[in-house]
Amino acid sequence: MGIGSSRAAADMSGPVAEFVKKTIASDKIVIFSKSYCPYCKTAKEQFKKLNKSFTAVELEDRDDCREIQAVLGEMTGATSVPRVFIDGKFVGGGDDVKRLYNNGELQKLVE
């Protein structure tokens, strides 16, 4: 599939969607990530600077990686990683989290 190709809609009531929803609900901070992604590393670093633990789901080794990203796409409007959730709410990707850290908002969100 190339640029501009359509992707199949995610099954938002299937087991992968349930996994995503349960994971998001399982911790205050949840990051869907790929361990080699520089934007994912940036997002995680901001939480580490605040001494806040988080759940990171590293997608690259999962057989359901594409399905998870499709579900995240339906939920957040994009399939790229990281997809960062705080208290069950999507707050953005790596640049968004860094901006929240820099302006002091991230600290407020995780207290």
Protein backbone atom coordinates (compact mmCIF):
# COMPACT_ATOMS: atom_id res chain seq x y z
CA MET A 1 0.00 0.00 0.00
CA GLY A 2 1.38 3.37 -0.96
CA ILE A 3 0.65 6.95 -0.20
CA GLY A 4 -3.02 7.74 -0.53
CA SER A 5 -4.09 4.12 -0.31
CA SER A 6 -7.15 3.34 1.71
CA ARG A 7 -6.88 1.18 4.75
CA ALA A 8 -9.50 -1.19 6.03
CA ALA A 9 -11.53 0.05 8.96
CA ALA A 10 -10.54 -1.47 12.27
CA ASP A 11 -12.87 -3.86 14.06
CA MET A 12 -13.64 -1.67 17.06
CA SER A 13 -15.54 -4.46 18.85
CA GLY A 14 -13.01 -7.24 18.23
CA PRO A 15 -10.34 -8.69 20.50
CA VAL A 16 -7.57 -6.33 19.37
CA ALA A 17 -9.73 -3.27 20.09
CA GLU A 18 -10.62 -4.75 23.48
CA PHE A 19 -6.90 -5.27 24.21
CA VAL A 20 -6.17 -1.64 23.30
CA LYS A 21 -9.04 -0.30 25.43
CA LYS A 22 -8.13 -2.48 28.43
CA THR A 23 -4.47 -1.49 28.15
CA ILE A 24 -5.34 2.22 28.05
CA ALA A 25 -7.51 1.75 31.15
CA SER A 26 -4.84 -0.28 32.98
CA ASP A 27 -2.45 2.57 33.86
CA LYS A 28 -2.43 6.34 34.26
CA ILE A 29 0.11 6.71 31.42
CA VAL A 30 0.09 4.34 28.42
CA ILE A 31 2.33 4.68 25.38
CA PHE A 32 1.90 2.62 22.23
CA SER A 33 5.41 2.63 20.85
CA LYS A 34 8.10 1.06 18.72
CA SER A 35 11.36 0.75 20.62
CA TYR A 36 13.51 2.06 17.74
CA CYS A 37 11.32 5.13 17.02
CA PRO A 38 12.98 8.45 17.95
CA TYR A 39 9.60 10.11 18.58
CA CYS A 40 8.66 7.29 20.95
CA LYS A 41 11.97 7.72 22.79
CA THR A 42 11.26 11.46 23.07
CA ALA A 43 7.81 10.83 24.56
CA LYS A 44 9.13 8.31 27.11
CA GLU A 45 11.98 10.61 28.09
CA GLN A 46 9.58 13.37 29.16
CA PHE A 47 7.88 11.02 31.63
CA LYS A 48 11.23 9.76 32.89
CA LYS A 49 12.29 13.38 33.58
CA LEU A 50 9.16 13.69 35.74
CA ASN A 51 9.93 10.35 37.47
CA LYS A 52 6.59 8.99 36.28
CA SER A 53 6.20 5.33 35.44
CA PHE A 54 4.20 4.30 32.39
CA THR A 55 3.06 1.27 30.47
CA ALA A 56 4.76 1.01 27.08
CA VAL A 57 3.37 -1.40 24.51
CA GLU A 58 6.19 -2.02 22.03
CA LEU A 59 4.43 -2.91 18.81
CA GLU A 60 7.21 -4.03 16.49
CA ASP A 61 7.41 -7.58 17.87
CA ARG A 62 3.66 -8.18 18.07
CA ASP A 63 1.84 -10.25 15.47
CA ASP A 64 -1.13 -7.88 15.83
CA CYS A 65 0.93 -4.70 15.33
CA ARG A 66 -0.99 -3.54 12.25
CA GLU A 67 -4.36 -4.28 13.83
CA ILE A 68 -3.41 -2.35 16.97
CA GLN A 69 -2.28 0.59 14.87
CA ALA A 70 -5.55 0.45 12.90
CA VAL A 71 -7.54 0.55 16.15
CA LEU A 72 -5.42 3.46 17.40
CA GLY A 73 -6.05 5.18 14.07
CA GLU A 74 -9.79 4.90 14.59
CA MET A 75 -9.48 6.19 18.16
CA THR A 76 -6.98 9.02 17.60
CA GLY A 77 -7.07 9.91 13.91
CA ALA A 78 -3.58 8.60 13.14
CA THR A 79 -1.79 5.26 13.16
CA SER A 80 1.71 6.63 13.75
CA VAL A 81 3.54 6.02 17.02
CA PRO A 82 3.82 7.01 19.71
CA ARG A 83 0.19 7.24 20.69
CA VAL A 84 0.22 8.54 24.29
CA PHE A 85 -2.71 8.32 26.70
CA ILE A 86 -3.01 9.91 30.14
CA ASP A 87 -5.97 8.95 32.32
CA GLY A 88 -7.53 7.24 29.30
CA LYS A 89 -7.37 10.37 27.14
CA PHE A 90 -5.23 10.66 24.03
CA VAL A 91 -2.72 13.51 24.46
CA GLY A 92 -0.74 13.13 21.23
CA GLY A 93 2.57 11.89 19.92
CA GLY A 94 6.22 12.56 20.71
CA ASP A 95 6.30 16.23 19.74
CA ASP A 96 3.02 16.86 21.55
CA VAL A 97 4.29 15.28 24.77
CA LYS A 98 7.54 17.23 24.56
CA ARG A 99 5.59 20.47 24.07
CA LEU A 100 3.38 19.62 27.07
CA TYR A 101 6.52 18.99 29.13
CA ASN A 102 8.17 22.22 28.02
CA ASN A 103 5.14 24.36 28.86
CA GLY A 104 4.54 22.68 32.23
CA GLU A 105 1.24 21.06 31.27
CA LEU A 106 2.54 17.47 31.34
CA GLN A 107 3.41 17.72 35.04
CA LYS A 108 -0.16 18.86 35.77
CA LEU A 109 -1.66 16.04 33.71
CA VAL A 110 0.27 13.31 35.53
CA GLU A 111 -0.14 14.52 39.12
